[in-house]
Amino acid sequence: MKRTAYALAASLALVFTSGCVVAPPRHSAAAVYVAPTYASPGPGWVWEFHARYGWGWHHPHYGWHRGWD
């Protein structure tokens, strides 16, 4: 009887103390529109996100406007 009680207590303790810790998502699933802060430098430039500087104009041939790397 004692073994059953100890096994039940251990099982309940394991159930109540174990859990799944989930980090909140970094970005929400909803799409967010970020408007350009200045006019396009010319044709072919696309408003894109830069990992270091944030949003800016990018051209597939010329690279980032304002000399970003």
N, C-alpha and C. Protein backbone atom coordinates (compact mmCIF):
# COMPACT_ATOMS: atom_id res chain seq x y z
N MET A 1 0.81 -1.19 0.00
CA MET A 1 0.00 0.00 0.00
C MET A 1 0.86 1.26 0.00
N LYS A 2 1.96 1.20 0.80
CA LYS A 2 2.84 2.37 0.84
C LYS A 2 3.48 2.61 -0.53
N ARG A 3 3.87 1.54 -1.21
CA ARG A 3 4.49 1.69 -2.53
C ARG A 3 3.54 2.36 -3.51
N THR A 4 2.30 1.97 -3.47
CA THR A 4 1.31 2.56 -4.35
C THR A 4 1.12 4.04 -4.05
N ALA A 5 1.09 4.38 -2.78
CA ALA A 5 0.94 5.78 -2.38
C ALA A 5 2.16 6.60 -2.83
N TYR A 6 3.36 6.04 -2.63
CA TYR A 6 4.57 6.75 -3.04
C TYR A 6 4.62 6.90 -4.57
N ALA A 7 4.25 5.86 -5.27
CA ALA A 7 4.24 5.92 -6.73
C ALA A 7 3.22 6.94 -7.23
N LEU A 8 2.07 6.97 -6.60
CA LEU A 8 1.04 7.94 -6.96
C LEU A 8 1.50 9.37 -6.66
N ALA A 9 2.11 9.57 -5.50
CA ALA A 9 2.61 10.89 -5.12
C ALA A 9 3.73 11.34 -6.09
N ALA A 10 4.62 10.43 -6.42
CA ALA A 10 5.70 10.76 -7.35
C ALA A 10 5.14 11.08 -8.73
N SER A 11 4.15 10.33 -9.17
CA SER A 11 3.55 10.58 -10.48
C SER A 11 2.86 11.93 -10.51
N LEU A 12 2.12 12.25 -9.44
CA LEU A 12 1.44 13.55 -9.38
C LEU A 12 2.45 14.69 -9.32
N ALA A 13 3.51 14.51 -8.56
CA ALA A 13 4.54 15.55 -8.49
C ALA A 13 5.18 15.76 -9.86
N LEU A 14 5.43 14.70 -10.57
CA LEU A 14 6.01 14.80 -11.90
C LEU A 14 5.06 15.50 -12.87
N VAL A 15 3.78 15.18 -12.78
CA VAL A 15 2.79 15.79 -13.66
C VAL A 15 2.67 17.28 -13.39
N PHE A 16 2.61 17.65 -12.11
CA PHE A 16 2.39 19.06 -11.77
C PHE A 16 3.64 19.93 -11.93
N THR A 17 4.83 19.35 -11.85
CA THR A 17 6.05 20.16 -11.97
C THR A 17 6.61 20.17 -13.38
N SER A 18 6.20 19.24 -14.20
CA SER A 18 6.70 19.25 -15.57
C SER A 18 5.80 20.14 -16.41
N GLY A 19 6.40 20.84 -17.30
CA GLY A 19 5.62 21.72 -18.16
C GLY A 19 6.44 22.08 -19.38
N CYS A 20 5.79 22.71 -20.27
CA CYS A 20 6.46 23.12 -21.49
C CYS A 20 6.56 24.64 -21.47
N VAL A 21 7.76 25.14 -21.47
CA VAL A 21 7.96 26.58 -21.49
C VAL A 21 8.11 26.99 -22.95
N VAL A 22 7.24 27.86 -23.39
CA VAL A 22 7.24 28.30 -24.78
C VAL A 22 7.54 29.78 -24.82
N ALA A 23 8.56 30.15 -25.56
CA ALA A 23 8.89 31.56 -25.71
C ALA A 23 7.86 32.21 -26.62
N PRO A 24 7.48 33.45 -26.34
CA PRO A 24 6.53 34.13 -27.22
C PRO A 24 7.15 34.38 -28.59
N PRO A 25 6.35 34.43 -29.62
CA PRO A 25 6.90 34.66 -30.96
C PRO A 25 7.56 36.04 -31.03
N ARG A 26 8.62 36.11 -31.79
CA ARG A 26 9.36 37.37 -31.92
C ARG A 26 8.55 38.40 -32.70
N HIS A 27 7.90 37.94 -33.73
CA HIS A 27 7.07 38.82 -34.55
C HIS A 27 5.68 38.22 -34.63
N SER A 28 4.71 39.06 -34.68
CA SER A 28 3.35 38.54 -34.80
C SER A 28 3.13 37.99 -36.20
N ALA A 29 2.12 37.17 -36.33
CA ALA A 29 1.83 36.55 -37.61
C ALA A 29 1.17 37.53 -38.59
N ALA A 30 0.67 38.62 -38.06
CA ALA A 30 0.00 39.60 -38.91
C ALA A 30 1.02 40.36 -39.75
N ALA A 31 0.66 40.65 -40.97
CA ALA A 31 1.53 41.42 -41.84
C ALA A 31 1.54 42.88 -41.40
N VAL A 32 2.71 43.48 -41.47
CA VAL A 32 2.86 44.88 -41.07
C VAL A 32 3.42 45.65 -42.26
N TYR A 33 2.79 46.77 -42.58
CA TYR A 33 3.26 47.60 -43.67
C TYR A 33 4.07 48.74 -43.09
N VAL A 34 5.30 48.89 -43.56
CA VAL A 34 6.16 49.99 -43.14
C VAL A 34 6.33 50.90 -44.34
N ALA A 35 5.81 52.10 -44.24
CA ALA A 35 5.86 53.06 -45.35
C ALA A 35 7.28 53.63 -45.49
N PRO A 36 7.71 53.88 -46.72
CA PRO A 36 9.01 54.51 -46.92
C PRO A 36 9.06 55.89 -46.26
N THR A 37 10.21 56.21 -45.72
CA THR A 37 10.37 57.50 -45.04
C THR A 37 10.87 58.59 -45.99
N TYR A 38 11.33 58.21 -47.16
CA TYR A 38 11.75 59.18 -48.16
C TYR A 38 11.51 58.59 -49.54
N ALA A 39 11.56 59.43 -50.55
CA ALA A 39 11.21 59.03 -51.92
C ALA A 39 12.22 58.02 -52.48
N SER A 40 11.74 57.21 -53.41
CA SER A 40 12.58 56.23 -54.08
C SER A 40 13.69 56.93 -54.87
N PRO A 41 14.92 56.40 -54.82
CA PRO A 41 16.02 57.02 -55.56
C PRO A 41 15.89 56.90 -57.08
N GLY A 42 15.05 56.00 -57.57
CA GLY A 42 14.86 55.83 -59.00
C GLY A 42 14.18 54.52 -59.32
N PRO A 43 14.08 54.21 -60.62
CA PRO A 43 13.42 52.96 -61.00
C PRO A 43 14.24 51.73 -60.58
N GLY A 44 13.56 50.69 -60.18
CA GLY A 44 14.22 49.44 -59.81
C GLY A 44 14.53 49.32 -58.33
N TRP A 45 14.36 50.38 -57.57
CA TRP A 45 14.63 50.34 -56.13
C TRP A 45 13.42 49.77 -55.40
N VAL A 46 13.66 48.90 -54.40
CA VAL A 46 12.60 48.24 -53.66
C VAL A 46 12.77 48.55 -52.17
N TRP A 47 11.68 48.83 -51.50
CA TRP A 47 11.69 49.11 -50.07
C TRP A 47 11.82 47.78 -49.34
N GLU A 48 12.98 47.52 -48.69
CA GLU A 48 13.26 46.24 -48.02
C GLU A 48 13.80 46.47 -46.63
N PHE A 49 13.84 45.38 -45.85
CA PHE A 49 14.36 45.44 -44.48
C PHE A 49 15.83 45.04 -44.47
N HIS A 50 16.67 45.88 -43.87
CA HIS A 50 18.09 45.60 -43.69
C HIS A 50 18.29 45.13 -42.25
N ALA A 51 19.06 44.07 -42.05
CA ALA A 51 19.22 43.48 -40.72
C ALA A 51 19.83 44.45 -39.71
N ARG A 52 20.72 45.30 -40.12
CA ARG A 52 21.39 46.21 -39.18
C ARG A 52 20.72 47.58 -39.10
N TYR A 53 20.31 48.14 -40.23
CA TYR A 53 19.84 49.52 -40.28
C TYR A 53 18.32 49.66 -40.32
N GLY A 54 17.61 48.59 -40.56
CA GLY A 54 16.15 48.67 -40.64
C GLY A 54 15.69 48.80 -42.08
N TRP A 55 14.61 49.55 -42.30
CA TRP A 55 14.01 49.67 -43.63
C TRP A 55 14.75 50.69 -44.48
N GLY A 56 14.91 50.35 -45.75
CA GLY A 56 15.57 51.26 -46.69
C GLY A 56 15.40 50.78 -48.12
N TRP A 57 15.93 51.57 -49.05
CA TRP A 57 15.81 51.25 -50.47
C TRP A 57 16.96 50.34 -50.90
N HIS A 58 16.60 49.27 -51.64
CA HIS A 58 17.60 48.31 -52.13
C HIS A 58 17.40 48.10 -53.63
N HIS A 59 18.50 48.05 -54.35
CA HIS A 59 18.47 47.79 -55.79
C HIS A 59 19.24 46.50 -56.04
N PRO A 60 18.73 45.59 -56.88
CA PRO A 60 19.41 44.31 -57.10
C PRO A 60 20.81 44.45 -57.70
N HIS A 61 21.06 45.55 -58.44
CA HIS A 61 22.37 45.74 -59.06
C HIS A 61 23.28 46.68 -58.25
N TYR A 62 22.70 47.77 -57.74
CA TYR A 62 23.48 48.79 -57.05
C TYR A 62 23.61 48.58 -55.55
N GLY A 63 22.79 47.72 -54.97
CA GLY A 63 22.86 47.46 -53.53
C GLY A 63 21.98 48.42 -52.75
N TRP A 64 22.41 48.73 -51.55
CA TRP A 64 21.62 49.56 -50.65
C TRP A 64 21.88 51.03 -50.91
N HIS A 65 20.82 51.81 -50.87
CA HIS A 65 20.94 53.26 -50.99
C HIS A 65 21.60 53.79 -49.72
N ARG A 66 22.32 54.84 -49.81
CA ARG A 66 23.07 55.47 -48.71
C ARG A 66 24.25 54.62 -48.26
N GLY A 67 24.72 53.69 -49.10
CA GLY A 67 25.95 52.96 -48.84
C GLY A 67 25.91 51.90 -47.74
N TRP A 68 24.72 51.41 -47.40
CA TRP A 68 24.66 50.35 -46.38
C TRP A 68 25.28 49.09 -46.94
N ASP A 69 25.90 48.29 -46.07
CA ASP A 69 26.50 47.02 -46.50
C ASP A 69 25.54 45.89 -46.27
